[in-house]
Amino acid sequence: MPSLAHKAQTFARLPGATKSLFAEAVVTSAYVKFALLFLPFRRVAAWLGKPVDVNMRAPYQEDALPLIKEVKTAINLIDKYAPWPTECYTRALTARIMLHRRKVSSVLFFGFRRNPGTNKVEGHAWLNTSGTTVTGKCDFSMYHVHSAFGDK
């Protein structure tokens, strides 16, 4: 695990816009993590968006692609450097909130699969926008999409 000094040096080398998004991602992720642990789900459910068809995709917003890439980078950094666990659900919801603040449409997916090795059911969450998977990289064909939430 990188030392605190190494983390500070890495942060210092980031471009200004990435630092700002990273700081926002850390604060938002902490808030999301706290909410998921301690608040009733009905309070958190509003952040998901409106239920949409599981085959729906967010509209392509070419002008938002650089921002989407930067948010994706910030989410990947908090996954590496946050002192709390950032599971797929926390990362997807954090990215959704950050993109929503900037009026970028996205769709949050929840899927399940049966692990062939253990035969246990596993869940996964991922966020997609403008043809880009922002969080939750995996082989999505292995998951049965249970529900999706987006902007209507």
Protein backbone atom coordinates (compact mmCIF):
# COMPACT_ATOMS: atom_id res chain seq x y z
CA MET A 1 0.00 0.00 0.00
CA PRO A 2 1.43 3.41 -0.95
CA SER A 3 2.52 5.62 1.92
CA LEU A 4 0.74 8.88 2.69
CA ALA A 5 3.76 10.82 1.39
CA HIS A 6 3.65 8.90 -1.90
CA LYS A 7 -0.07 9.59 -2.21
CA ALA A 8 0.54 13.31 -1.60
CA GLN A 9 3.26 13.39 -4.27
CA THR A 10 1.00 11.64 -6.76
CA PHE A 11 -1.78 14.13 -6.02
CA ALA A 12 0.59 17.09 -6.42
CA ARG A 13 1.55 15.90 -9.92
CA LEU A 14 -2.04 15.75 -11.18
CA PRO A 15 -3.34 18.48 -13.51
CA GLY A 16 -5.47 21.13 -11.81
CA ALA A 17 -8.78 19.99 -13.30
CA THR A 18 -8.08 16.39 -12.26
CA LYS A 19 -7.21 17.52 -8.71
CA SER A 20 -10.50 19.36 -8.46
CA LEU A 21 -12.52 16.42 -9.75
CA PHE A 22 -10.56 14.02 -7.54
CA ALA A 23 -11.31 16.15 -4.47
CA GLU A 24 -14.99 16.27 -5.43
CA ALA A 25 -14.98 12.51 -6.03
CA VAL A 26 -13.46 11.82 -2.60
CA VAL A 27 -16.03 13.99 -0.81
CA THR A 28 -18.94 12.61 -2.86
CA SER A 29 -17.74 9.03 -2.40
CA ALA A 30 -17.46 9.50 1.36
CA TYR A 31 -20.97 10.95 1.47
CA VAL A 32 -22.35 8.10 -0.68
CA LYS A 33 -20.57 5.47 1.43
CA PHE A 34 -21.94 7.03 4.65
CA ALA A 35 -25.45 7.20 3.17
CA LEU A 36 -25.38 3.59 1.99
CA LEU A 37 -24.26 2.42 5.42
CA PHE A 38 -26.45 4.54 7.67
CA LEU A 39 -29.45 5.99 5.83
CA PRO A 40 -32.62 4.13 4.85
CA PHE A 41 -32.57 3.04 1.21
CA ARG A 42 -35.55 5.25 0.34
CA ARG A 43 -33.34 8.29 1.06
CA VAL A 44 -30.60 7.03 -1.27
CA ALA A 45 -33.00 5.82 -3.98
CA ALA A 46 -33.59 9.36 -5.25
CA TRP A 47 -29.92 9.57 -6.32
CA LEU A 48 -30.37 6.59 -8.64
CA GLY A 49 -32.63 8.45 -11.05
CA LYS A 50 -35.82 7.16 -12.58
CA PRO A 51 -36.28 3.48 -13.47
CA VAL A 52 -35.70 2.97 -17.20
CA ASP A 53 -35.80 0.01 -19.56
CA VAL A 54 -32.76 -2.24 -19.03
CA ASN A 55 -31.95 -1.92 -22.75
CA MET A 56 -31.81 1.87 -22.60
CA ARG A 57 -28.55 3.67 -23.22
CA ALA A 58 -27.71 7.25 -22.33
CA PRO A 59 -27.75 9.64 -25.29
CA TYR A 60 -24.41 10.25 -26.96
CA GLN A 61 -23.04 13.64 -25.88
CA GLU A 62 -19.83 14.21 -27.83
CA ASP A 63 -19.11 17.54 -26.17
CA ALA A 64 -19.12 15.78 -22.77
CA LEU A 65 -16.55 13.09 -23.67
CA PRO A 66 -13.51 14.94 -22.18
CA LEU A 67 -15.43 15.52 -18.94
CA ILE A 68 -16.58 11.89 -18.83
CA LYS A 69 -12.97 10.78 -19.23
CA GLU A 70 -11.84 13.05 -16.38
CA VAL A 71 -14.64 11.85 -14.07
CA LYS A 72 -13.68 8.26 -14.91
CA THR A 73 -10.05 9.05 -13.99
CA ALA A 74 -11.14 10.65 -10.70
CA ILE A 75 -13.30 7.62 -9.82
CA ASN A 76 -10.40 5.27 -10.60
CA LEU A 77 -8.15 7.36 -8.33
CA ILE A 78 -10.54 7.21 -5.38
CA ASP A 79 -10.79 3.48 -5.90
CA LYS A 80 -7.02 3.33 -5.41
CA TYR A 81 -6.50 5.96 -2.71
CA ALA A 82 -9.65 6.29 -0.58
CA PRO A 83 -9.20 4.89 2.93
CA TRP A 84 -12.63 3.21 2.74
CA PRO A 85 -13.71 0.38 0.44
CA THR A 86 -15.22 1.69 -2.79
CA GLU A 87 -17.30 -1.15 -4.16
CA CYS A 88 -18.88 -1.00 -7.60
CA TYR A 89 -22.13 0.45 -6.22
CA THR A 90 -20.34 3.28 -4.41
CA ARG A 91 -18.23 4.10 -7.49
CA ALA A 92 -21.20 4.00 -9.89
CA LEU A 93 -23.38 6.17 -7.68
CA THR A 94 -20.55 8.66 -7.06
CA ALA A 95 -19.91 8.99 -10.81
CA ARG A 96 -23.65 9.32 -11.50
CA ILE A 97 -23.98 12.17 -9.00
CA MET A 98 -20.90 13.95 -10.39
CA LEU A 99 -22.12 13.68 -14.00
CA HIS A 100 -25.67 14.67 -13.05
CA ARG A 101 -24.32 17.89 -11.48
CA ARG A 102 -22.85 18.70 -14.88
CA LYS A 103 -26.03 17.82 -16.81
CA VAL A 104 -24.50 14.73 -18.42
CA SER A 105 -27.03 11.91 -18.84
CA SER A 106 -26.08 8.45 -17.68
CA VAL A 107 -27.65 5.08 -16.96
CA LEU A 108 -26.86 3.12 -13.80
CA PHE A 109 -27.22 -0.65 -14.21
CA PHE A 110 -27.60 -3.40 -11.62
CA GLY A 111 -26.93 -6.96 -12.71
CA PHE A 112 -26.57 -10.39 -11.16
CA ARG A 113 -24.81 -13.61 -12.11
CA ARG A 114 -24.23 -17.00 -10.62
CA ASN A 115 -20.52 -17.52 -9.95
CA PRO A 116 -19.63 -20.77 -11.73
CA GLY A 117 -16.95 -21.62 -9.15
CA THR A 118 -18.95 -21.11 -5.97
CA ASN A 119 -22.51 -21.26 -7.37
CA LYS A 120 -23.28 -18.10 -5.32
CA VAL A 121 -25.21 -15.16 -6.73
CA GLU A 122 -23.07 -12.05 -7.22
CA GLY A 123 -24.26 -8.53 -7.90
CA HIS A 124 -22.57 -5.77 -9.85
CA ALA A 125 -23.31 -2.12 -10.60
CA TRP A 126 -21.94 -0.06 -13.47
CA LEU A 127 -22.49 3.34 -15.03
CA ASN A 128 -22.70 3.99 -18.74
CA THR A 129 -22.89 7.23 -20.68
CA SER A 130 -22.22 8.30 -24.26
CA GLY A 131 -21.13 4.80 -25.21
CA THR A 132 -18.57 4.75 -22.39
CA THR A 133 -18.54 2.53 -19.34
CA VAL A 134 -17.51 4.97 -16.61
CA THR A 135 -17.38 2.46 -13.76
CA GLY A 136 -17.65 -1.29 -13.35
CA LYS A 137 -15.52 -2.73 -16.14
CA CYS A 138 -16.26 -6.42 -16.60
CA ASP A 139 -17.73 -8.87 -19.06
CA PHE A 140 -21.31 -7.59 -18.94
CA SER A 141 -22.56 -10.53 -20.98
CA MET A 142 -22.06 -12.64 -17.85
CA TYR A 143 -24.63 -10.55 -15.93
CA HIS A 144 -28.39 -10.55 -16.14
CA VAL A 145 -29.40 -6.89 -15.92
CA HIS A 146 -32.00 -6.64 -13.19
CA SER A 147 -32.68 -2.90 -13.26
CA ALA A 148 -31.49 0.35 -14.74
CA PHE A 149 -31.88 3.96 -13.66
CA GLY A 150 -31.42 7.04 -15.79
CA ASP A 151 -32.60 10.52 -16.62
CA LYS A 152 -36.01 10.69 -18.25
